[in-house]
Each structure stands twice: as C-alpha cells, then as structure tokens.
Amino acid sequence: MSDFDISVDGREIPVEMGQSLAAAMTAAGITTFRRTRVASRPRGMFCGIGVCFDCLVTVNGAADVRACLEQAWPGDVVSTEEPTDV
C-alpha cells in the first residue's frame, strides 16, 4: 500500500514516504527517464547515487533533476526528458 501518488508523464504512480523519484518510477515499471541526444537511446537509473546523469527528469517544472537524489513528495509532477538537440 502506498503513502501517496505522484504524476509521471500523466500517469499516477504509488510512492512510499521517503522513496526517491527513481525508486518509485522503477517500482512502477518506468525504466526510461530520458533519451540521449545522439541516436535517442533510452537512459534510466544507472548508478543510483548521483554520480552519473542518466536519471535526469523534470520535476514540477524544474529541468535536469537527478531522480535518484530527489525525494518524492505528494503532488509532484514528473516528466521524462526528451533530447533538446537532435
């Protein structure tokens, strides 16, 4: 049973209090958080500790947030990022 839900690309997903965005997204089966600029290859959680930049998402309008470091909060609106220069 979840504590609350957040919205990811318009889909409500369950979150347990204290979970990172990346953990909640992965638990909900969302494994692609962004795509590379070259070849649009999928990227998701890789290191899980904020060293890489594979888990970047937009949270409540703020771009380039590392989902593995950001705690999920009730009402969060997350969108996976698209490449800006193809």
N, C-alpha and C. Protein backbone atom coordinates (compact mmCIF):
# COMPACT_ATOMS: atom_id res chain seq x y z
N MET A 1 0.84 -1.18 0.00
CA MET A 1 0.00 0.00 0.00
C MET A 1 0.89 1.24 0.00
N SER A 2 0.57 2.20 -0.85
CA SER A 2 1.39 3.39 -0.96
C SER A 2 0.93 4.47 0.02
N ASP A 3 1.84 5.41 0.28
CA ASP A 3 1.52 6.54 1.15
C ASP A 3 0.84 7.66 0.36
N PHE A 4 1.24 7.81 -0.93
CA PHE A 4 0.66 8.84 -1.79
C PHE A 4 1.04 8.51 -3.23
N ASP A 5 0.49 9.28 -4.17
CA ASP A 5 0.80 9.10 -5.59
C ASP A 5 1.49 10.35 -6.13
N ILE A 6 2.28 10.16 -7.19
CA ILE A 6 2.82 11.28 -7.95
C ILE A 6 2.45 11.05 -9.41
N SER A 7 2.55 12.10 -10.20
CA SER A 7 2.24 12.00 -11.62
C SER A 7 3.54 11.93 -12.42
N VAL A 8 3.67 10.91 -13.26
CA VAL A 8 4.82 10.77 -14.15
C VAL A 8 4.30 10.66 -15.57
N ASP A 9 4.59 11.66 -16.37
CA ASP A 9 4.10 11.71 -17.75
C ASP A 9 2.59 11.49 -17.82
N GLY A 10 1.87 12.07 -16.85
CA GLY A 10 0.42 11.97 -16.83
C GLY A 10 -0.13 10.71 -16.18
N ARG A 11 0.73 9.83 -15.74
CA ARG A 11 0.31 8.57 -15.11
C ARG A 11 0.54 8.66 -13.61
N GLU A 12 -0.47 8.31 -12.83
CA GLU A 12 -0.32 8.31 -11.37
C GLU A 12 0.41 7.04 -10.94
N ILE A 13 1.47 7.21 -10.14
CA ILE A 13 2.20 6.04 -9.64
C ILE A 13 2.28 6.12 -8.11
N PRO A 14 2.27 4.97 -7.44
CA PRO A 14 2.30 4.95 -5.98
C PRO A 14 3.72 5.21 -5.45
N VAL A 15 3.78 5.87 -4.30
CA VAL A 15 5.05 6.19 -3.67
C VAL A 15 4.96 5.90 -2.17
N GLU A 16 6.03 5.35 -1.62
CA GLU A 16 6.13 5.19 -0.18
C GLU A 16 6.93 6.35 0.37
N MET A 17 6.54 6.90 1.51
CA MET A 17 7.22 8.04 2.10
C MET A 17 8.73 7.74 2.22
N GLY A 18 9.54 8.69 1.78
CA GLY A 18 10.98 8.54 1.84
C GLY A 18 11.62 7.99 0.58
N GLN A 19 10.81 7.53 -0.36
CA GLN A 19 11.33 6.97 -1.60
C GLN A 19 11.85 8.08 -2.52
N SER A 20 12.92 7.77 -3.24
CA SER A 20 13.38 8.70 -4.27
C SER A 20 12.44 8.60 -5.47
N LEU A 21 12.49 9.62 -6.32
CA LEU A 21 11.71 9.55 -7.55
C LEU A 21 12.11 8.34 -8.37
N ALA A 22 13.43 8.10 -8.48
CA ALA A 22 13.91 6.97 -9.29
C ALA A 22 13.40 5.64 -8.75
N ALA A 23 13.40 5.48 -7.44
CA ALA A 23 12.92 4.23 -6.84
C ALA A 23 11.43 4.03 -7.12
N ALA A 24 10.65 5.09 -6.96
CA ALA A 24 9.21 5.00 -7.21
C ALA A 24 8.93 4.71 -8.68
N MET A 25 9.65 5.40 -9.57
CA MET A 25 9.45 5.19 -11.00
C MET A 25 9.83 3.77 -11.42
N THR A 26 10.96 3.29 -10.92
CA THR A 26 11.41 1.95 -11.26
C THR A 26 10.43 0.90 -10.72
N ALA A 27 9.95 1.10 -9.49
CA ALA A 27 8.99 0.16 -8.91
C ALA A 27 7.70 0.12 -9.72
N ALA A 28 7.36 1.24 -10.38
CA ALA A 28 6.15 1.30 -11.20
C ALA A 28 6.39 0.81 -12.63
N GLY A 29 7.61 0.34 -12.90
CA GLY A 29 7.91 -0.21 -14.23
C GLY A 29 8.40 0.82 -15.23
N ILE A 30 8.68 2.04 -14.77
CA ILE A 30 9.20 3.07 -15.66
C ILE A 30 10.72 2.99 -15.63
N THR A 31 11.32 2.57 -16.71
CA THR A 31 12.77 2.39 -16.72
C THR A 31 13.50 3.36 -17.63
N THR A 32 12.78 4.08 -18.49
CA THR A 32 13.40 5.10 -19.33
C THR A 32 13.02 6.46 -18.79
N PHE A 33 14.03 7.20 -18.31
CA PHE A 33 13.82 8.52 -17.72
C PHE A 33 14.12 9.63 -18.72
N ARG A 34 15.01 9.35 -19.65
CA ARG A 34 15.38 10.33 -20.67
C ARG A 34 15.97 9.57 -21.85
N ARG A 35 16.24 10.29 -22.94
CA ARG A 35 16.88 9.69 -24.12
C ARG A 35 18.08 10.53 -24.49
N THR A 36 19.11 9.88 -25.05
CA THR A 36 20.32 10.59 -25.43
C THR A 36 20.08 11.48 -26.64
N ARG A 37 20.91 12.50 -26.76
CA ARG A 37 20.80 13.40 -27.91
C ARG A 37 21.17 12.69 -29.20
N VAL A 38 22.19 11.83 -29.13
CA VAL A 38 22.62 11.09 -30.31
C VAL A 38 21.92 9.73 -30.31
N ALA A 39 21.19 9.45 -31.33
CA ALA A 39 20.50 8.17 -31.53
C ALA A 39 19.31 7.94 -30.60
N SER A 40 18.98 8.89 -29.75
CA SER A 40 17.81 8.79 -28.88
C SER A 40 17.76 7.48 -28.08
N ARG A 41 18.90 7.10 -27.54
CA ARG A 41 18.97 5.85 -26.76
C ARG A 41 18.37 6.06 -25.37
N PRO A 42 17.64 5.08 -24.86
CA PRO A 42 17.00 5.22 -23.55
C PRO A 42 18.01 5.19 -22.40
N ARG A 43 17.75 6.03 -21.41
CA ARG A 43 18.55 6.06 -20.19
C ARG A 43 17.62 6.04 -19.00
N GLY A 44 18.07 5.38 -17.93
CA GLY A 44 17.28 5.31 -16.70
C GLY A 44 18.21 5.37 -15.52
N MET A 45 17.83 4.73 -14.43
CA MET A 45 18.68 4.72 -13.25
C MET A 45 19.89 3.84 -13.53
N PHE A 46 21.08 4.41 -13.34
CA PHE A 46 22.32 3.65 -13.58
C PHE A 46 23.10 3.51 -12.28
N CYS A 47 23.64 4.60 -11.76
CA CYS A 47 24.47 4.49 -10.56
C CYS A 47 23.63 4.54 -9.28
N GLY A 48 22.55 5.30 -9.30
CA GLY A 48 21.67 5.39 -8.14
C GLY A 48 22.20 6.25 -7.00
N ILE A 49 23.36 6.93 -7.20
CA ILE A 49 23.93 7.74 -6.13
C ILE A 49 24.28 9.16 -6.57
N GLY A 50 23.82 9.56 -7.75
CA GLY A 50 24.01 10.93 -8.20
C GLY A 50 25.31 11.23 -8.91
N VAL A 51 26.08 10.20 -9.25
CA VAL A 51 27.35 10.42 -9.93
C VAL A 51 27.15 10.61 -11.43
N CYS A 52 26.30 9.81 -12.02
CA CYS A 52 26.04 9.94 -13.45
C CYS A 52 24.86 10.88 -13.67
N PHE A 53 24.48 11.07 -14.91
CA PHE A 53 23.36 11.95 -15.23
C PHE A 53 22.30 11.21 -16.05
N ASP A 54 22.23 9.88 -15.89
CA ASP A 54 21.30 9.10 -16.69
C ASP A 54 19.86 9.21 -16.23
N CYS A 55 19.61 9.64 -15.01
CA CYS A 55 18.25 9.65 -14.48
C CYS A 55 17.62 11.05 -14.45
N LEU A 56 18.06 11.94 -15.33
CA LEU A 56 17.51 13.30 -15.34
C LEU A 56 16.04 13.33 -15.75
N VAL A 57 15.25 14.07 -14.98
CA VAL A 57 13.83 14.26 -15.27
C VAL A 57 13.48 15.72 -14.98
N THR A 58 12.28 16.13 -15.34
CA THR A 58 11.75 17.44 -14.97
C THR A 58 10.76 17.23 -13.84
N VAL A 59 10.93 17.98 -12.76
CA VAL A 59 10.06 17.85 -11.58
C VAL A 59 9.44 19.20 -11.26
N ASN A 60 8.13 19.25 -11.32
CA ASN A 60 7.39 20.48 -11.03
C ASN A 60 7.93 21.67 -11.83
N GLY A 61 8.30 21.40 -13.09
CA GLY A 61 8.78 22.44 -13.98
C GLY A 61 10.28 22.68 -13.94
N ALA A 62 11.00 22.11 -12.98
CA ALA A 62 12.45 22.27 -12.89
C ALA A 62 13.12 21.15 -13.67
N ALA A 63 13.88 21.53 -14.71
CA ALA A 63 14.53 20.54 -15.57
C ALA A 63 15.83 20.03 -14.96
N ASP A 64 16.29 18.90 -15.49
CA ASP A 64 17.59 18.31 -15.14
C ASP A 64 17.75 17.96 -13.67
N VAL A 65 16.72 17.38 -13.09
CA VAL A 65 16.75 16.91 -11.71
C VAL A 65 17.17 15.44 -11.72
N ARG A 66 18.15 15.09 -10.90
CA ARG A 66 18.57 13.69 -10.79
C ARG A 66 17.54 12.95 -9.94
N ALA A 67 16.81 12.06 -10.58
CA ALA A 67 15.71 11.35 -9.91
C ALA A 67 16.20 10.47 -8.76
N CYS A 68 17.44 10.01 -8.83
CA CYS A 68 17.95 9.14 -7.77
C CYS A 68 18.23 9.91 -6.48
N LEU A 69 18.43 11.23 -6.59
CA LEU A 69 18.74 12.04 -5.41
C LEU A 69 17.53 12.80 -4.87
N GLU A 70 16.47 12.88 -5.65
CA GLU A 70 15.31 13.70 -5.28
C GLU A 70 14.24 12.86 -4.60
N GLN A 71 13.89 13.23 -3.37
CA GLN A 71 12.82 12.53 -2.67
C GLN A 71 11.49 12.90 -3.31
N ALA A 72 10.61 11.93 -3.43
CA ALA A 72 9.26 12.16 -3.96
C ALA A 72 8.40 12.77 -2.87
N TRP A 73 7.56 13.73 -3.29
CA TRP A 73 6.64 14.41 -2.36
C TRP A 73 5.24 14.39 -2.94
N PRO A 74 4.23 14.38 -2.10
CA PRO A 74 2.85 14.42 -2.60
C PRO A 74 2.66 15.60 -3.54
N GLY A 75 2.00 15.34 -4.66
CA GLY A 75 1.72 16.39 -5.62
C GLY A 75 2.80 16.60 -6.67
N ASP A 76 3.92 15.90 -6.55
CA ASP A 76 4.98 16.05 -7.56
C ASP A 76 4.46 15.69 -8.94
N VAL A 77 4.87 16.50 -9.92
CA VAL A 77 4.56 16.24 -11.31
C VAL A 77 5.89 16.06 -12.02
N VAL A 78 6.12 14.85 -12.51
CA VAL A 78 7.39 14.47 -13.13
C VAL A 78 7.16 14.21 -14.61
N SER A 79 8.10 14.68 -15.42
CA SER A 79 8.06 14.32 -16.83
C SER A 79 9.44 13.85 -17.24
N THR A 80 9.44 12.79 -18.03
CA THR A 80 10.71 12.29 -18.54
C THR A 80 11.18 13.27 -19.60
N GLU A 81 12.47 13.38 -19.77
CA GLU A 81 13.02 14.40 -20.65
C GLU A 81 13.30 13.88 -22.04
N GLU A 82 13.06 14.72 -22.99
CA GLU A 82 13.36 14.44 -24.39
C GLU A 82 14.66 15.16 -24.75
N PRO A 83 15.41 14.64 -25.70
CA PRO A 83 16.64 15.34 -26.08
C PRO A 83 16.31 16.71 -26.67
N THR A 84 17.15 17.70 -26.34
CA THR A 84 16.89 19.05 -26.83
C THR A 84 17.60 19.35 -28.15
N ASP A 85 18.74 18.73 -28.43
CA ASP A 85 19.40 18.93 -29.73
C ASP A 85 19.59 17.58 -30.39
N VAL A 86 18.86 17.33 -31.41
CA VAL A 86 18.98 16.02 -32.09
C VAL A 86 19.87 16.19 -33.31
